[in-house]
Amino acid sequence: SEAVRKGWLPDLASGAAVAGNAMTEPDSGSDVSRLKVRARQVPGGW
């Protein structure tokens, strides 16, 4: 969203903030179609 872009991208581009990519799971390396991390929808978010 525009708010997320404004909130993070300037700091990510300048090096003021560091980003981490969290995709791989202990039981799924190459197979990313069966993620065990679950997201439950709740009021206002997840």
All heavy atoms as atom14 arrays in JSON, in Angstrom:
{
  "sequence": "SEAVRKGWLPDLASGAAVAGNAMTEPDSGSDVSRLKVRARQVPGGW",
  "atom14_mask": [
    [1, 1, 1, 1, 1, 1, 0, 0, 0, 0, 0, 0, 0, 0],
    [1, 1, 1, 1, 1, 1, 1, 1, 1, 0, 0, 0, 0, 0],
    [1, 1, 1, 1, 1, 0, 0, 0, 0, 0, 0, 0, 0, 0],
    [1, 1, 1, 1, 1, 1, 1, 0, 0, 0, 0, 0, 0, 0],
    [1, 1, 1, 1, 1, 1, 1, 1, 1, 1, 1, 0, 0, 0],
    [1, 1, 1, 1, 1, 1, 1, 1, 1, 0, 0, 0, 0, 0],
    [1, 1, 1, 1, 0, 0, 0, 0, 0, 0, 0, 0, 0, 0],
    [1, 1, 1, 1, 1, 1, 1, 1, 1, 1, 1, 1, 1, 1],
    [1, 1, 1, 1, 1, 1, 1, 1, 0, 0, 0, 0, 0, 0],
    [1, 1, 1, 1, 1, 1, 1, 0, 0, 0, 0, 0, 0, 0],
    [1, 1, 1, 1, 1, 1, 1, 1, 0, 0, 0, 0, 0, 0],
    [1, 1, 1, 1, 1, 1, 1, 1, 0, 0, 0, 0, 0, 0],
    [1, 1, 1, 1, 1, 0, 0, 0, 0, 0, 0, 0, 0, 0],
    [1, 1, 1, 1, 1, 1, 0, 0, 0, 0, 0, 0, 0, 0],
    [1, 1, 1, 1, 0, 0, 0, 0, 0, 0, 0, 0, 0, 0],
    [1, 1, 1, 1, 1, 0, 0, 0, 0, 0, 0, 0, 0, 0],
    [1, 1, 1, 1, 1, 0, 0, 0, 0, 0, 0, 0, 0, 0],
    [1, 1, 1, 1, 1, 1, 1, 0, 0, 0, 0, 0, 0, 0],
    [1, 1, 1, 1, 1, 0, 0, 0, 0, 0, 0, 0, 0, 0],
    [1, 1, 1, 1, 0, 0, 0, 0, 0, 0, 0, 0, 0, 0],
    [1, 1, 1, 1, 1, 1, 1, 1, 0, 0, 0, 0, 0, 0],
    [1, 1, 1, 1, 1, 0, 0, 0, 0, 0, 0, 0, 0, 0],
    [1, 1, 1, 1, 1, 1, 1, 1, 0, 0, 0, 0, 0, 0],
    [1, 1, 1, 1, 1, 1, 1, 0, 0, 0, 0, 0, 0, 0],
    [1, 1, 1, 1, 1, 1, 1, 1, 1, 0, 0, 0, 0, 0],
    [1, 1, 1, 1, 1, 1, 1, 0, 0, 0, 0, 0, 0, 0],
    [1, 1, 1, 1, 1, 1, 1, 1, 0, 0, 0, 0, 0, 0],
    [1, 1, 1, 1, 1, 1, 0, 0, 0, 0, 0, 0, 0, 0],
    [1, 1, 1, 1, 0, 0, 0, 0, 0, 0, 0, 0, 0, 0],
    [1, 1, 1, 1, 1, 1, 0, 0, 0, 0, 0, 0, 0, 0],
    [1, 1, 1, 1, 1, 1, 1, 1, 0, 0, 0, 0, 0, 0],
    [1, 1, 1, 1, 1, 1, 1, 0, 0, 0, 0, 0, 0, 0],
    [1, 1, 1, 1, 1, 1, 0, 0, 0, 0, 0, 0, 0, 0],
    [1, 1, 1, 1, 1, 1, 1, 1, 1, 1, 1, 0, 0, 0],
    [1, 1, 1, 1, 1, 1, 1, 1, 0, 0, 0, 0, 0, 0],
    [1, 1, 1, 1, 1, 1, 1, 1, 1, 0, 0, 0, 0, 0],
    [1, 1, 1, 1, 1, 1, 1, 0, 0, 0, 0, 0, 0, 0],
    [1, 1, 1, 1, 1, 1, 1, 1, 1, 1, 1, 0, 0, 0],
    [1, 1, 1, 1, 1, 0, 0, 0, 0, 0, 0, 0, 0, 0],
    [1, 1, 1, 1, 1, 1, 1, 1, 1, 1, 1, 0, 0, 0],
    [1, 1, 1, 1, 1, 1, 1, 1, 1, 0, 0, 0, 0, 0],
    [1, 1, 1, 1, 1, 1, 1, 0, 0, 0, 0, 0, 0, 0],
    [1, 1, 1, 1, 1, 1, 1, 0, 0, 0, 0, 0, 0, 0],
    [1, 1, 1, 1, 0, 0, 0, 0, 0, 0, 0, 0, 0, 0],
    [1, 1, 1, 1, 0, 0, 0, 0, 0, 0, 0, 0, 0, 0],
    [1, 1, 1, 1, 1, 1, 1, 1, 1, 1, 1, 1, 1, 1]
  ],
  "atom14_positions": [
    [[0.86, -1.2, 0.0], [0.0, 0.0, 0.0], [0.89, 1.24, 0.0], [2.09, 1.17, 0.27], [-0.89, 0.0, 1.24], [-0.1, 0.15, 2.41], [0.0, 0.0, 0.0], [0.0, 0.0, 0.0], [0.0, 0.0, 0.0], [0.0, 0.0, 0.0], [0.0, 0.0, 0.0], [0.0, 0.0, 0.0], [0.0, 0.0, 0.0], [0.0, 0.0, 0.0]],
    [[0.3, 2.38, -0.3], [1.08, 3.61, -0.32], [1.68, 3.89, 1.05], [2.82, 4.35, 1.17], [0.21, 4.78, -0.76], [0.94, 6.11, -0.87], [2.07, 6.1, -1.9], [2.1, 5.2, -2.75], [2.92, 7.0, -1.83], [0.0, 0.0, 0.0], [0.0, 0.0, 0.0], [0.0, 0.0, 0.0], [0.0, 0.0, 0.0], [0.0, 0.0, 0.0]],
    [[0.92, 3.59, 2.1], [1.43, 3.82, 3.46], [2.63, 2.92, 3.75], [3.61, 3.36, 4.36], [0.33, 3.55, 4.48], [0.0, 0.0, 0.0], [0.0, 0.0, 0.0], [0.0, 0.0, 0.0], [0.0, 0.0, 0.0], [0.0, 0.0, 0.0], [0.0, 0.0, 0.0], [0.0, 0.0, 0.0], [0.0, 0.0, 0.0], [0.0, 0.0, 0.0]],
    [[2.57, 1.67, 3.31], [3.69, 0.74, 3.53], [4.9, 1.18, 2.73], [6.04, 1.17, 3.22], [3.28, -0.7, 3.16], [4.5, -1.62, 3.12], [2.26, -1.23, 4.15], [0.0, 0.0, 0.0], [0.0, 0.0, 0.0], [0.0, 0.0, 0.0], [0.0, 0.0, 0.0], [0.0, 0.0, 0.0], [0.0, 0.0, 0.0], [0.0, 0.0, 0.0]],
    [[4.68, 1.59, 1.49], [5.8, 2.04, 0.66], [6.47, 3.26, 1.27], [7.7, 3.33, 1.38], [5.32, 2.34, -0.76], [4.91, 1.1, -1.56], [4.85, 1.4, -3.05], [3.78, 2.33, -3.37], [2.55, 1.99, -3.75], [2.22, 0.7, -3.82], [1.65, 2.91, -4.04], [0.0, 0.0, 0.0], [0.0, 0.0, 0.0], [0.0, 0.0, 0.0]],
    [[5.68, 4.25, 1.68], [6.24, 5.45, 2.28], [6.91, 5.14, 3.62], [7.9, 5.77, 4.0], [5.16, 6.5, 2.47], [4.7, 7.18, 1.19], [3.67, 8.26, 1.48], [3.27, 9.0, 0.21], [2.24, 10.04, 0.48], [0.0, 0.0, 0.0], [0.0, 0.0, 0.0], [0.0, 0.0, 0.0], [0.0, 0.0, 0.0], [0.0, 0.0, 0.0]],
    [[6.35, 4.16, 4.34], [6.87, 3.86, 5.66], [8.19, 3.11, 5.64], [9.0, 3.25, 6.57], [0.0, 0.0, 0.0], [0.0, 0.0, 0.0], [0.0, 0.0, 0.0], [0.0, 0.0, 0.0], [0.0, 0.0, 0.0], [0.0, 0.0, 0.0], [0.0, 0.0, 0.0], [0.0, 0.0, 0.0], [0.0, 0.0, 0.0], [0.0, 0.0, 0.0]],
    [[8.44, 2.3, 4.58], [9.63, 1.45, 4.6], [10.63, 1.73, 3.48], [11.84, 1.64, 3.7], [9.22, -0.02, 4.53], [8.7, -0.54, 5.83], [7.43, -0.93, 6.13], [9.46, -0.74, 7.04], [7.33, -1.35, 7.43], [8.57, -1.25, 8.01], [10.8, -0.54, 7.38], [8.98, -1.56, 9.31], [11.2, -0.85, 8.67], [10.3, -1.36, 9.62]],
    [[10.18, 2.03, 2.28], [11.11, 2.09, 1.15], [12.23, 3.13, 1.3], [13.39, 2.83, 0.97], [10.35, 2.32, -0.15], [9.51, 1.12, -0.63], [8.81, 1.45, -1.94], [10.36, -0.13, -0.8], [0.0, 0.0, 0.0], [0.0, 0.0, 0.0], [0.0, 0.0, 0.0], [0.0, 0.0, 0.0], [0.0, 0.0, 0.0], [0.0, 0.0, 0.0]],
    [[11.95, 4.35, 1.77], [13.07, 5.3, 1.91], [14.18, 4.79, 2.82], [15.37, 4.95, 2.51], [12.39, 6.56, 2.47], [10.98, 6.47, 1.97], [10.65, 5.01, 2.04], [0.0, 0.0, 0.0], [0.0, 0.0, 0.0], [0.0, 0.0, 0.0], [0.0, 0.0, 0.0], [0.0, 0.0, 0.0], [0.0, 0.0, 0.0], [0.0, 0.0, 0.0]],
    [[13.8, 4.17, 3.93], [14.81, 3.64, 4.85], [15.51, 2.41, 4.28], [16.7, 2.19, 4.53], [14.17, 3.29, 6.19], [13.9, 4.53, 7.04], [14.4, 5.61, 6.69], [13.19, 4.4, 8.06], [0.0, 0.0, 0.0], [0.0, 0.0, 0.0], [0.0, 0.0, 0.0], [0.0, 0.0, 0.0], [0.0, 0.0, 0.0], [0.0, 0.0, 0.0]],
    [[14.78, 1.6, 3.51], [15.41, 0.43, 2.9], [16.4, 0.85, 1.83], [17.47, 0.26, 1.67], [14.34, -0.5, 2.31], [13.4, -1.18, 3.31], [12.37, -2.03, 2.58], [14.18, -2.03, 4.31], [0.0, 0.0, 0.0], [0.0, 0.0, 0.0], [0.0, 0.0, 0.0], [0.0, 0.0, 0.0], [0.0, 0.0, 0.0], [0.0, 0.0, 0.0]],
    [[16.06, 1.88, 1.07], [16.96, 2.36, 0.02], [18.2, 3.04, 0.59], [19.29, 2.93, 0.03], [16.22, 3.32, -0.91], [0.0, 0.0, 0.0], [0.0, 0.0, 0.0], [0.0, 0.0, 0.0], [0.0, 0.0, 0.0], [0.0, 0.0, 0.0], [0.0, 0.0, 0.0], [0.0, 0.0, 0.0], [0.0, 0.0, 0.0], [0.0, 0.0, 0.0]],
    [[18.04, 3.72, 1.72], [19.16, 4.46, 2.3], [20.06, 3.61, 3.18], [21.18, 4.0, 3.51], [18.63, 5.63, 3.14], [18.01, 5.16, 4.32], [0.0, 0.0, 0.0], [0.0, 0.0, 0.0], [0.0, 0.0, 0.0], [0.0, 0.0, 0.0], [0.0, 0.0, 0.0], [0.0, 0.0, 0.0], [0.0, 0.0, 0.0], [0.0, 0.0, 0.0]],
    [[19.57, 2.43, 3.59], [20.34, 1.59, 4.5], [20.04, 1.87, 5.96], [20.64, 1.26, 6.84], [0.0, 0.0, 0.0], [0.0, 0.0, 0.0], [0.0, 0.0, 0.0], [0.0, 0.0, 0.0], [0.0, 0.0, 0.0], [0.0, 0.0, 0.0], [0.0, 0.0, 0.0], [0.0, 0.0, 0.0], [0.0, 0.0, 0.0], [0.0, 0.0, 0.0]],
    [[19.09, 2.77, 6.23], [18.69, 3.03, 7.61], [17.95, 1.84, 8.21], [17.91, 1.68, 9.43], [17.82, 4.29, 7.67], [0.0, 0.0, 0.0], [0.0, 0.0, 0.0], [0.0, 0.0, 0.0], [0.0, 0.0, 0.0], [0.0, 0.0, 0.0], [0.0, 0.0, 0.0], [0.0, 0.0, 0.0], [0.0, 0.0, 0.0], [0.0, 0.0, 0.0]],
    [[17.34, 1.01, 7.35], [16.64, -0.18, 7.8], [17.11, -1.37, 6.98], [17.52, -1.23, 5.82], [15.12, 0.0, 7.65], [0.0, 0.0, 0.0], [0.0, 0.0, 0.0], [0.0, 0.0, 0.0], [0.0, 0.0, 0.0], [0.0, 0.0, 0.0], [0.0, 0.0, 0.0], [0.0, 0.0, 0.0], [0.0, 0.0, 0.0], [0.0, 0.0, 0.0]],
    [[17.07, -2.55, 7.6], [17.49, -3.8, 6.96], [16.27, -4.71, 6.86], [15.49, -4.83, 7.81], [18.59, -4.49, 7.77], [19.0, -5.81, 7.12], [19.8, -3.58, 7.92], [0.0, 0.0, 0.0], [0.0, 0.0, 0.0], [0.0, 0.0, 0.0], [0.0, 0.0, 0.0], [0.0, 0.0, 0.0], [0.0, 0.0, 0.0], [0.0, 0.0, 0.0]],
    [[16.11, -5.36, 5.71], [14.97, -6.23, 5.48], [15.4, -7.69, 5.42], [16.49, -8.02, 4.94], [14.26, -5.85, 4.18], [0.0, 0.0, 0.0], [0.0, 0.0, 0.0], [0.0, 0.0, 0.0], [0.0, 0.0, 0.0], [0.0, 0.0, 0.0], [0.0, 0.0, 0.0], [0.0, 0.0, 0.0], [0.0, 0.0, 0.0], [0.0, 0.0, 0.0]],
    [[14.52, -8.57, 5.91], [14.77, -10.01, 5.88], [13.67, -10.73, 5.13], [12.49, -10.42, 5.3], [0.0, 0.0, 0.0], [0.0, 0.0, 0.0], [0.0, 0.0, 0.0], [0.0, 0.0, 0.0], [0.0, 0.0, 0.0], [0.0, 0.0, 0.0], [0.0, 0.0, 0.0], [0.0, 0.0, 0.0], [0.0, 0.0, 0.0], [0.0, 0.0, 0.0]],
    [[14.05, -11.7, 4.31], [13.1, -12.47, 3.51], [12.79, -13.78, 4.22], [13.64, -14.65, 4.34], [13.69, -12.75, 2.13], [12.8, -13.65, 1.29], [11.58, -13.58, 1.39], [13.4, -14.5, 0.48], [0.0, 0.0, 0.0], [0.0, 0.0, 0.0], [0.0, 0.0, 0.0], [0.0, 0.0, 0.0], [0.0, 0.0, 0.0], [0.0, 0.0, 0.0]],
    [[11.55, -13.93, 4.68], [11.15, -15.11, 5.46], [10.16, -15.95, 4.65], [8.95, -15.8, 4.77], [10.53, -14.68, 6.79], [0.0, 0.0, 0.0], [0.0, 0.0, 0.0], [0.0, 0.0, 0.0], [0.0, 0.0, 0.0], [0.0, 0.0, 0.0], [0.0, 0.0, 0.0], [0.0, 0.0, 0.0], [0.0, 0.0, 0.0], [0.0, 0.0, 0.0]],
    [[10.71, -16.84, 3.83], [9.88, -17.75, 3.04], [10.16, -19.21, 3.39], [9.26, -19.97, 3.68], [10.12, -17.51, 1.54], [9.41, -18.53, 0.64], [7.65, -18.69, 1.02], [6.92, -18.59, -0.59], [0.0, 0.0, 0.0], [0.0, 0.0, 0.0], [0.0, 0.0, 0.0], [0.0, 0.0, 0.0], [0.0, 0.0, 0.0], [0.0, 0.0, 0.0]],
    [[11.43, -19.61, 3.38], [11.79, -21.01, 3.6], [11.37, -21.47, 4.99], [11.44, -20.72, 5.96], [13.31, -21.19, 3.45], [13.69, -20.77, 2.14], [13.73, -22.63, 3.65], [0.0, 0.0, 0.0], [0.0, 0.0, 0.0], [0.0, 0.0, 0.0], [0.0, 0.0, 0.0], [0.0, 0.0, 0.0], [0.0, 0.0, 0.0], [0.0, 0.0, 0.0]],
    [[10.92, -22.72, 5.06], [10.54, -23.32, 6.34], [11.37, -24.57, 6.59], [11.92, -25.15, 5.64], [9.04, -23.64, 6.33], [8.17, -22.41, 6.2], [6.68, -22.7, 6.27], [6.3, -23.91, 6.37], [5.9, -21.75, 6.22], [0.0, 0.0, 0.0], [0.0, 0.0, 0.0], [0.0, 0.0, 0.0], [0.0, 0.0, 0.0], [0.0, 0.0, 0.0]],
    [[11.45, -25.01, 7.84], [12.29, -26.18, 8.16], [11.95, -27.42, 7.34], [12.83, -28.2, 6.99], [12.03, -26.41, 9.66], [11.68, -25.06, 10.18], [10.91, -24.39, 9.08], [0.0, 0.0, 0.0], [0.0, 0.0, 0.0], [0.0, 0.0, 0.0], [0.0, 0.0, 0.0], [0.0, 0.0, 0.0], [0.0, 0.0, 0.0], [0.0, 0.0, 0.0]],
    [[10.66, -27.6, 7.01], [10.24, -28.79, 6.28], [9.9, -28.51, 4.82], [9.36, -29.37, 4.14], [9.04, -29.44, 6.97], [9.4, -29.97, 8.35], [10.55, -30.44, 8.51], [8.55, -29.91, 9.26], [0.0, 0.0, 0.0], [0.0, 0.0, 0.0], [0.0, 0.0, 0.0], [0.0, 0.0, 0.0], [0.0, 0.0, 0.0], [0.0, 0.0, 0.0]],
    [[10.16, -27.29, 4.36], [9.89, -27.0, 2.95], [10.96, -26.05, 2.45], [10.97, -24.87, 2.79], [8.49, -26.41, 2.76], [8.46, -25.03, 2.94], [0.0, 0.0, 0.0], [0.0, 0.0, 0.0], [0.0, 0.0, 0.0], [0.0, 0.0, 0.0], [0.0, 0.0, 0.0], [0.0, 0.0, 0.0], [0.0, 0.0, 0.0], [0.0, 0.0, 0.0]],
    [[11.89, -26.61, 1.67], [12.94, -25.79, 1.08], [12.51, -25.38, -0.32], [12.03, -24.28, -0.55], [0.0, 0.0, 0.0], [0.0, 0.0, 0.0], [0.0, 0.0, 0.0], [0.0, 0.0, 0.0], [0.0, 0.0, 0.0], [0.0, 0.0, 0.0], [0.0, 0.0, 0.0], [0.0, 0.0, 0.0], [0.0, 0.0, 0.0], [0.0, 0.0, 0.0]],
    [[12.66, -26.31, -1.28], [12.27, -26.01, -2.65], [10.75, -26.02, -2.84], [10.23, -25.36, -3.73], [12.91, -27.02, -3.61], [14.32, -26.92, -3.58], [0.0, 0.0, 0.0], [0.0, 0.0, 0.0], [0.0, 0.0, 0.0], [0.0, 0.0, 0.0], [0.0, 0.0, 0.0], [0.0, 0.0, 0.0], [0.0, 0.0, 0.0], [0.0, 0.0, 0.0]],
    [[10.04, -26.8, -2.03], [8.58, -26.87, -2.17], [7.94, -25.77, -1.33], [7.75, -25.92, -0.12], [8.09, -28.24, -1.71], [6.59, -28.42, -1.94], [5.95, -27.48, -2.48], [6.06, -29.48, -1.57], [0.0, 0.0, 0.0], [0.0, 0.0, 0.0], [0.0, 0.0, 0.0], [0.0, 0.0, 0.0], [0.0, 0.0, 0.0], [0.0, 0.0, 0.0]],
    [[7.61, -24.67, -1.98], [7.02, -23.53, -1.27], [5.5, -23.5, -1.42], [4.86, -22.5, -1.1], [7.62, -22.2, -1.77], [9.1, -22.15, -1.47], [7.37, -22.02, -3.28], [0.0, 0.0, 0.0], [0.0, 0.0, 0.0], [0.0, 0.0, 0.0], [0.0, 0.0, 0.0], [0.0, 0.0, 0.0], [0.0, 0.0, 0.0], [0.0, 0.0, 0.0]],
    [[4.93, -24.61, -1.9], [3.48, -24.64, -2.1], [2.73, -25.15, -0.89], [1.51, -25.13, -0.86], [3.14, -25.52, -3.31], [3.51, -26.87, -3.09], [0.0, 0.0, 0.0], [0.0, 0.0, 0.0], [0.0, 0.0, 0.0], [0.0, 0.0, 0.0], [0.0, 0.0, 0.0], [0.0, 0.0, 0.0], [0.0, 0.0, 0.0], [0.0, 0.0, 0.0]],
    [[3.47, -25.63, 0.13], [2.82, -26.19, 1.32], [3.42, -25.56, 2.58], [4.1, -26.21, 3.36], [2.99, -27.71, 1.35], [2.29, -28.43, 0.21], [2.55, -29.93, 0.26], [1.79, -30.64, -0.77], [2.2, -30.79, -2.02], [3.36, -30.28, -2.4], [1.46, -31.45, -2.9], [0.0, 0.0, 0.0], [0.0, 0.0, 0.0], [0.0, 0.0, 0.0]],
    [[3.16, -24.3, 2.74], [3.7, -23.57, 3.89], [2.95, -23.95, 5.16], [1.72, -23.95, 5.2], [3.6, -22.06, 3.64], [4.35, -21.52, 2.43], [4.16, -20.01, 2.34], [5.84, -21.88, 2.51], [0.0, 0.0, 0.0], [0.0, 0.0, 0.0], [0.0, 0.0, 0.0], [0.0, 0.0, 0.0], [0.0, 0.0, 0.0], [0.0, 0.0, 0.0]],
    [[3.72, -24.22, 6.23], [3.1, -24.56, 7.5], [2.83, -23.35, 8.38], [2.06, -23.43, 9.33], [3.99, -25.57, 8.25], [4.03, -26.94, 7.59], [4.8, -27.95, 8.44], [4.78, -29.32, 7.78], [5.53, -30.32, 8.59], [0.0, 0.0, 0.0], [0.0, 0.0, 0.0], [0.0, 0.0, 0.0], [0.0, 0.0, 0.0], [0.0, 0.0, 0.0]],
    [[3.5, -22.23, 8.08], [3.16, -21.01, 8.81], [1.75, -20.62, 8.39], [1.45, -20.47, 7.2], [4.15, -19.87, 8.49], [3.66, -18.55, 9.08], [5.53, -20.21, 9.04], [0.0, 0.0, 0.0], [0.0, 0.0, 0.0], [0.0, 0.0, 0.0], [0.0, 0.0, 0.0], [0.0, 0.0, 0.0], [0.0, 0.0, 0.0], [0.0, 0.0, 0.0]],
    [[0.88, -20.45, 9.37], [-0.54, -20.19, 9.11], [-0.9, -18.75, 9.45], [-0.37, -18.16, 10.39], [-1.42, -21.14, 9.92], [-1.29, -22.59, 9.48], [-1.73, -22.78, 8.04], [-1.5, -24.12, 7.54], [-2.38, -25.12, 7.65], [-3.54, -24.9, 8.27], [-2.1, -26.3, 7.16], [0.0, 0.0, 0.0], [0.0, 0.0, 0.0], [0.0, 0.0, 0.0]],
    [[-1.81, -18.21, 8.67], [-2.35, -16.86, 8.9], [-3.85, -16.98, 9.16], [-4.59, -17.45, 8.29], [-2.08, -15.97, 7.7], [0.0, 0.0, 0.0], [0.0, 0.0, 0.0], [0.0, 0.0, 0.0], [0.0, 0.0, 0.0], [0.0, 0.0, 0.0], [0.0, 0.0, 0.0], [0.0, 0.0, 0.0], [0.0, 0.0, 0.0], [0.0, 0.0, 0.0]],
    [[-4.28, -16.57, 10.35], [-5.7, -16.6, 10.71], [-6.25, -15.18, 10.66], [-5.67, -14.27, 11.28], [-5.9, -17.16, 12.12], [-5.5, -18.61, 12.29], [-5.71, -19.06, 13.74], [-4.77, -18.42, 14.66], [-5.09, -17.48, 15.54], [-6.35, -17.03, 15.6], [-4.17, -16.99, 16.35], [0.0, 0.0, 0.0], [0.0, 0.0, 0.0], [0.0, 0.0, 0.0]],
    [[-7.34, -15.0, 9.95], [-7.93, -13.67, 9.87], [-8.68, -13.35, 11.16], [-9.45, -14.17, 11.67], [-8.88, -13.57, 8.68], [-9.23, -12.15, 8.3], [-9.78, -12.04, 6.9], [-10.26, -13.02, 6.35], [-9.7, -10.85, 6.32], [0.0, 0.0, 0.0], [0.0, 0.0, 0.0], [0.0, 0.0, 0.0], [0.0, 0.0, 0.0], [0.0, 0.0, 0.0]],
    [[-8.43, -12.17, 11.7], [-9.07, -11.69, 12.92], [-9.52, -10.26, 12.65], [-9.13, -9.64, 11.65], [-8.1, -11.74, 14.12], [-7.68, -13.17, 14.43], [-6.87, -10.87, 13.86], [0.0, 0.0, 0.0], [0.0, 0.0, 0.0], [0.0, 0.0, 0.0], [0.0, 0.0, 0.0], [0.0, 0.0, 0.0], [0.0, 0.0, 0.0], [0.0, 0.0, 0.0]],
    [[-10.34, -9.69, 13.51], [-10.77, -8.31, 13.29], [-9.57, -7.36, 13.13], [-8.7, -7.31, 13.99], [-11.57, -7.98, 14.55], [-12.13, -9.31, 14.97], [-11.04, -10.3, 14.67], [0.0, 0.0, 0.0], [0.0, 0.0, 0.0], [0.0, 0.0, 0.0], [0.0, 0.0, 0.0], [0.0, 0.0, 0.0], [0.0, 0.0, 0.0], [0.0, 0.0, 0.0]],
    [[-9.52, -6.68, 12.02], [-8.48, -5.69, 11.79], [-7.19, -6.22, 11.22], [-6.28, -5.44, 10.94], [0.0, 0.0, 0.0], [0.0, 0.0, 0.0], [0.0, 0.0, 0.0], [0.0, 0.0, 0.0], [0.0, 0.0, 0.0], [0.0, 0.0, 0.0], [0.0, 0.0, 0.0], [0.0, 0.0, 0.0], [0.0, 0.0, 0.0], [0.0, 0.0, 0.0]],
    [[-7.09, -7.55, 11.03], [-5.83, -8.06, 10.5], [-5.74, -9.57, 10.54], [-6.73, -10.28, 10.36], [0.0, 0.0, 0.0], [0.0, 0.0, 0.0], [0.0, 0.0, 0.0], [0.0, 0.0, 0.0], [0.0, 0.0, 0.0], [0.0, 0.0, 0.0], [0.0, 0.0, 0.0], [0.0, 0.0, 0.0], [0.0, 0.0, 0.0], [0.0, 0.0, 0.0]],
    [[-4.51, -10.05, 10.83], [-4.21, -11.48, 10.77], [-3.31, -11.86, 11.95], [-2.61, -11.03, 12.49], [-3.46, -11.81, 9.47], [-4.24, -11.47, 8.24], [-4.4, -10.23, 7.68], [-4.97, -12.38, 7.42], [-5.18, -10.31, 6.57], [-5.54, -11.62, 6.37], [-5.18, -13.76, 7.46], [-6.32, -12.21, 5.38], [-5.94, -14.35, 6.47], [-6.5, -13.58, 5.44]]
  ]
}
